[in-house]
Protein backbone atom coordinates (compact mmCIF):
# COMPACT_ATOMS: atom_id res chain seq x y z
CA MET A 1 -25.83 2.60 20.44
CA ASN A 2 -22.89 2.31 22.85
CA ARG A 3 -20.73 -0.78 22.39
CA PRO A 4 -19.74 -2.90 25.52
CA VAL A 5 -16.76 -1.48 27.31
CA ARG A 6 -13.59 -3.21 26.19
CA THR A 7 -10.35 -3.11 28.10
CA VAL A 8 -7.40 -1.73 25.95
CA THR A 9 -3.83 -1.90 26.89
CA GLY A 10 -1.98 0.66 24.76
CA SER A 11 -2.23 3.75 22.57
CA ASP A 12 -2.04 1.73 19.35
CA GLU A 13 -5.03 -0.36 20.40
CA VAL A 14 -6.99 2.68 21.34
CA ARG A 15 -6.22 4.28 18.00
CA ALA A 16 -7.36 1.10 16.21
CA LEU A 17 -10.57 0.90 18.27
CA ILE A 18 -11.27 4.62 17.40
CA LEU A 19 -10.76 3.99 13.71
CA GLU A 20 -12.98 0.83 13.82
CA VAL A 21 -15.88 2.75 15.32
CA ALA A 22 -15.32 5.68 12.93
CA GLU A 23 -15.24 3.40 9.96
CA GLU A 24 -18.52 1.79 11.00
CA HIS A 25 -20.12 5.23 11.27
CA PHE A 26 -18.68 6.40 7.86
CA ARG A 27 -20.11 3.28 6.10
CA ARG A 28 -23.45 3.65 7.89
CA VAL A 29 -24.17 7.35 7.64
CA GLY A 30 -21.23 8.97 5.83
CA TYR A 31 -18.14 10.69 7.02
CA HIS A 32 -19.68 14.19 6.64
CA ARG A 33 -22.44 13.17 9.00
CA THR A 34 -20.12 11.62 11.63
CA SER A 35 -18.79 13.74 14.37
CA VAL A 36 -16.00 13.23 16.80
CA ALA A 37 -18.74 13.44 19.43
CA ASP A 38 -20.55 10.46 17.87
CA ILE A 39 -17.33 8.33 17.86
CA ALA A 40 -16.47 9.36 21.44
CA SER A 41 -20.05 8.51 22.60
CA GLU A 42 -20.08 4.99 21.29
CA LEU A 43 -16.65 4.44 22.88
CA ARG A 44 -17.88 5.91 26.18
CA MET A 45 -15.11 8.45 26.16
CA SER A 46 -14.94 12.31 25.78
CA PRO A 47 -14.21 13.99 22.46
CA ALA A 48 -11.10 15.43 24.05
CA ASN A 49 -9.82 11.84 24.75
CA VAL A 50 -10.29 11.07 20.99
CA TYR A 51 -8.12 14.10 20.28
CA ARG A 52 -5.42 12.69 22.45
CA PHE A 53 -4.97 9.99 19.69
CA PHE A 54 -5.80 12.03 16.60
CA ARG A 55 -4.72 15.68 16.27
CA SER A 56 -7.87 16.61 14.36
CA ARG A 57 -11.05 15.24 12.69
CA ASP A 58 -9.25 15.51 9.37
CA ALA A 59 -6.67 13.06 10.72
CA ILE A 60 -9.39 10.57 11.26
CA ASN A 61 -10.85 11.12 7.79
CA GLU A 62 -7.40 10.49 6.20
CA SER A 63 -6.84 7.40 8.29
CA ILE A 64 -10.16 5.79 7.17
CA CYS A 65 -9.50 6.81 3.64
CA GLY A 66 -6.08 5.15 3.89
CA ARG A 67 -7.71 1.95 5.03
CA VAL A 68 -9.92 1.94 2.04
CA LEU A 69 -7.18 2.69 -0.30
CA GLU A 70 -5.05 -0.12 1.31
CA GLU A 71 -7.54 -2.63 -0.18
CA VAL A 72 -6.43 -1.45 -3.69
CA THR A 73 -2.78 -1.51 -2.86
CA GLU A 74 -3.03 -5.09 -1.57
CA ILE A 75 -4.71 -6.21 -4.74
CA ALA A 76 -2.05 -4.35 -6.93
CA PHE A 77 0.80 -6.00 -4.89
CA ALA A 78 -0.72 -9.47 -5.23
CA ILE A 79 -1.05 -9.10 -9.01
CA ALA A 80 2.44 -7.63 -9.30
CA SER A 81 3.99 -10.50 -7.18
CA SER A 82 2.18 -13.20 -9.18
CA ASN A 83 4.00 -15.72 -11.48
CA ALA A 84 2.68 -14.26 -14.77
CA PRO A 85 3.91 -12.38 -17.82
CA ALA A 86 4.29 -8.65 -17.26
CA THR A 87 1.79 -8.03 -20.01
CA GLU A 88 -0.89 -10.09 -18.25
CA LYS A 89 0.01 -8.50 -14.87
CA LEU A 90 -0.50 -4.99 -16.28
CA ASP A 91 -3.83 -6.03 -17.82
CA LYS A 92 -5.04 -7.66 -14.68
CA LEU A 93 -3.93 -4.75 -12.56
CA LEU A 94 -5.59 -2.02 -14.59
CA THR A 95 -8.84 -4.09 -14.72
CA ALA A 96 -8.80 -4.86 -11.05
CA VAL A 97 -8.34 -1.36 -9.84
CA HIS A 98 -11.13 -0.07 -12.20
CA GLN A 99 -13.45 -2.78 -10.97
CA HIS A 100 -12.68 -2.18 -7.27
CA ASN A 101 -13.35 1.59 -7.65
CA LYS A 102 -16.57 0.86 -9.58
CA MET A 103 -17.86 -1.50 -6.97
CA THR A 104 -17.08 0.92 -4.17
CA LEU A 105 -19.33 3.40 -6.01
CA VAL A 106 -22.08 0.76 -6.50
CA LYS A 107 -21.90 -1.08 -3.09
CA GLU A 108 -20.10 1.32 -0.81
CA ARG A 109 -21.61 4.67 -1.80
CA ARG A 110 -20.55 6.48 1.45
CA MET A 111 -16.94 5.36 1.12
CA HIS A 112 -17.00 6.38 -2.47
CA GLU A 113 -17.96 9.89 -1.28
CA LEU A 114 -15.12 9.88 1.17
CA ILE A 115 -12.52 8.98 -1.67
CA VAL A 116 -14.07 11.60 -3.99
CA ALA A 117 -13.60 14.26 -1.32
CA ALA A 118 -10.01 13.12 -0.65
CA MET A 119 -9.13 13.42 -4.38
CA HIS A 120 -10.86 16.70 -4.86
CA GLU A 121 -9.10 18.23 -1.75
CA ASN A 122 -5.73 16.57 -2.59
CA TRP A 123 -5.29 14.77 0.76
CA ALA A 124 -1.80 13.57 1.53
CA VAL A 125 -3.13 9.96 1.73
CA ILE A 126 -4.19 10.12 -1.87
CA LYS A 127 -0.77 11.36 -3.03
CA ALA A 128 0.91 8.50 -1.08
CA HIS A 129 -1.53 5.96 -2.65
CA MET A 130 -0.96 7.15 -6.20
CA GLU A 131 2.87 6.97 -5.64
CA GLN A 132 2.46 3.35 -4.51
CA LEU A 133 0.50 2.54 -7.66
CA LEU A 134 3.13 4.29 -9.80
CA THR A 135 5.85 2.20 -8.20
CA ILE A 136 4.03 -0.99 -8.91
CA PHE A 137 3.32 0.13 -12.52
CA GLU A 138 6.98 0.88 -12.96
CA ALA A 139 8.11 -2.45 -11.58
CA ILE A 140 5.88 -4.42 -13.93
CA ILE A 141 6.87 -2.25 -16.93
CA ARG A 142 10.59 -2.65 -16.12
CA GLU A 143 10.06 -6.42 -15.80
CA GLY A 144 8.34 -6.51 -19.12
CA ALA A 145 11.13 -4.49 -20.77
CA GLN A 146 13.71 -7.02 -19.37
CA THR A 147 11.84 -10.04 -20.76
CA GLY A 148 11.19 -8.31 -24.11
CA GLU A 149 7.42 -8.02 -23.66
CA PHE A 150 7.67 -4.15 -23.68
CA GLU A 151 9.79 -1.85 -25.70
CA VAL A 152 10.41 1.13 -23.38
CA GLU A 153 13.60 2.96 -22.27
CA ASP A 154 12.34 4.65 -19.15
CA ALA A 155 10.05 2.54 -17.08
CA ALA A 156 9.29 5.46 -14.66
CA GLU A 157 8.18 7.69 -17.48
CA ALA A 158 6.14 4.90 -18.97
CA ALA A 159 4.47 4.25 -15.63
CA ARG A 160 3.38 7.93 -15.40
CA ALA A 161 1.99 7.73 -18.94
CA VAL A 162 0.11 4.56 -18.14
CA ASN A 163 -1.45 6.25 -15.10
CA ALA A 164 -2.52 9.37 -17.06
CA ALA A 165 -3.98 7.27 -19.86
CA PHE A 166 -6.04 5.20 -17.44
CA MET A 167 -7.25 8.04 -15.27
CA PRO A 168 -10.81 7.96 -16.65
CA PHE A 169 -11.12 4.26 -15.36
CA PHE A 170 -9.46 5.12 -11.94
CA HIS A 171 -10.89 8.30 -10.88
CA PRO A 172 -14.13 7.84 -8.85
CA THR A 173 -15.86 10.94 -10.11
CA LEU A 174 -15.16 10.00 -13.78
CA ILE A 175 -16.41 6.42 -13.27
CA GLU A 176 -19.61 7.86 -11.67
CA HIS A 177 -20.10 10.20 -14.58
CA CYS A 178 -19.78 7.39 -17.04
CA LEU A 179 -22.43 5.25 -15.20
CA GLN A 180 -24.78 8.16 -14.79
CA CYS A 181 -24.66 8.81 -18.54
CA GLY A 182 -25.54 5.19 -19.17
CA GLU A 183 -22.23 4.39 -20.84
CA ASP A 184 -20.56 1.00 -20.67
CA PRO A 185 -17.22 1.39 -18.93
CA GLU A 186 -16.25 -2.20 -19.54
CA ALA A 187 -16.20 -1.60 -23.26
CA GLY A 188 -14.02 1.39 -22.98
CA LEU A 189 -11.75 -0.42 -20.49
CA ARG A 190 -10.81 -3.07 -22.91
CA VAL A 191 -10.10 -0.53 -25.66
CA GLN A 192 -7.89 1.53 -23.33
CA ILE A 193 -5.91 -1.43 -22.19
CA ARG A 194 -5.36 -2.47 -25.71
CA PHE A 195 -4.13 1.03 -26.51
CA ILE A 196 -1.80 1.09 -23.55
CA LEU A 197 -0.26 -2.22 -24.31
CA LYS A 198 0.35 -1.18 -28.01
CA ALA A 199 1.98 2.04 -26.73
CA LEU A 200 4.31 -0.10 -24.62
CA GLY A 201 5.49 -1.81 -27.79
CA ARG A 202 3.62 -5.24 -28.03
CA SER A 203 0.61 -4.72 -30.28
CA ASP A 204 0.36 -8.52 -30.78
CA GLN A 205 0.00 -9.20 -27.05
CA ALA A 206 -2.42 -6.29 -26.81
CA VAL A 207 -4.77 -7.73 -29.51
CA CYS A 208 -4.56 -11.19 -27.91
CA LEU A 209 -5.40 -9.89 -24.42
CA SER A 210 -8.18 -7.66 -25.73
CA ARG A 211 -10.19 -10.63 -26.99
CA THR A 212 -10.08 -12.38 -23.60
């Protein structure tokens, strides 16, 4: 169904409107079943006009994927900026990212499929997102080292190790596999967080948090 004609005043607003319509279609029927012609038709413009603002269909896909991933980044930044001990921040951050990705699978299946495709095909937006998360991990770990919560010499190296250790609880395909096999990801989540906190050098804090 075509939406009412809306006056736009600049290229940024047109791009935003195109993405708004594209995201609505992606959530309703899936990214692989949405064509540029579908998007253009709803906006009462030609496909050629859409390509004036996005060089390719892939560019639209990556932009929508980036919007979904930005939700995770905002959660991560909010936790990292909170007034809490570094140990608690890392625990909350790892838990929140896992739960967000799991809820996307359960409640937003079509967006989950988009993220899976992006990861499997190594889209640039995924690389940028992972680098953002690594930067946040590193900042929290460095903060913890400075306050004596963690015992690490290289915060960047520790951040990479944390990311690798937690990949089964981050990667959408691995989360989906876990649920399909009838496994309880929440139990494994607590065990893995406890392991990570111990590895960072504060086993007493890890035990305490794992019981909460």
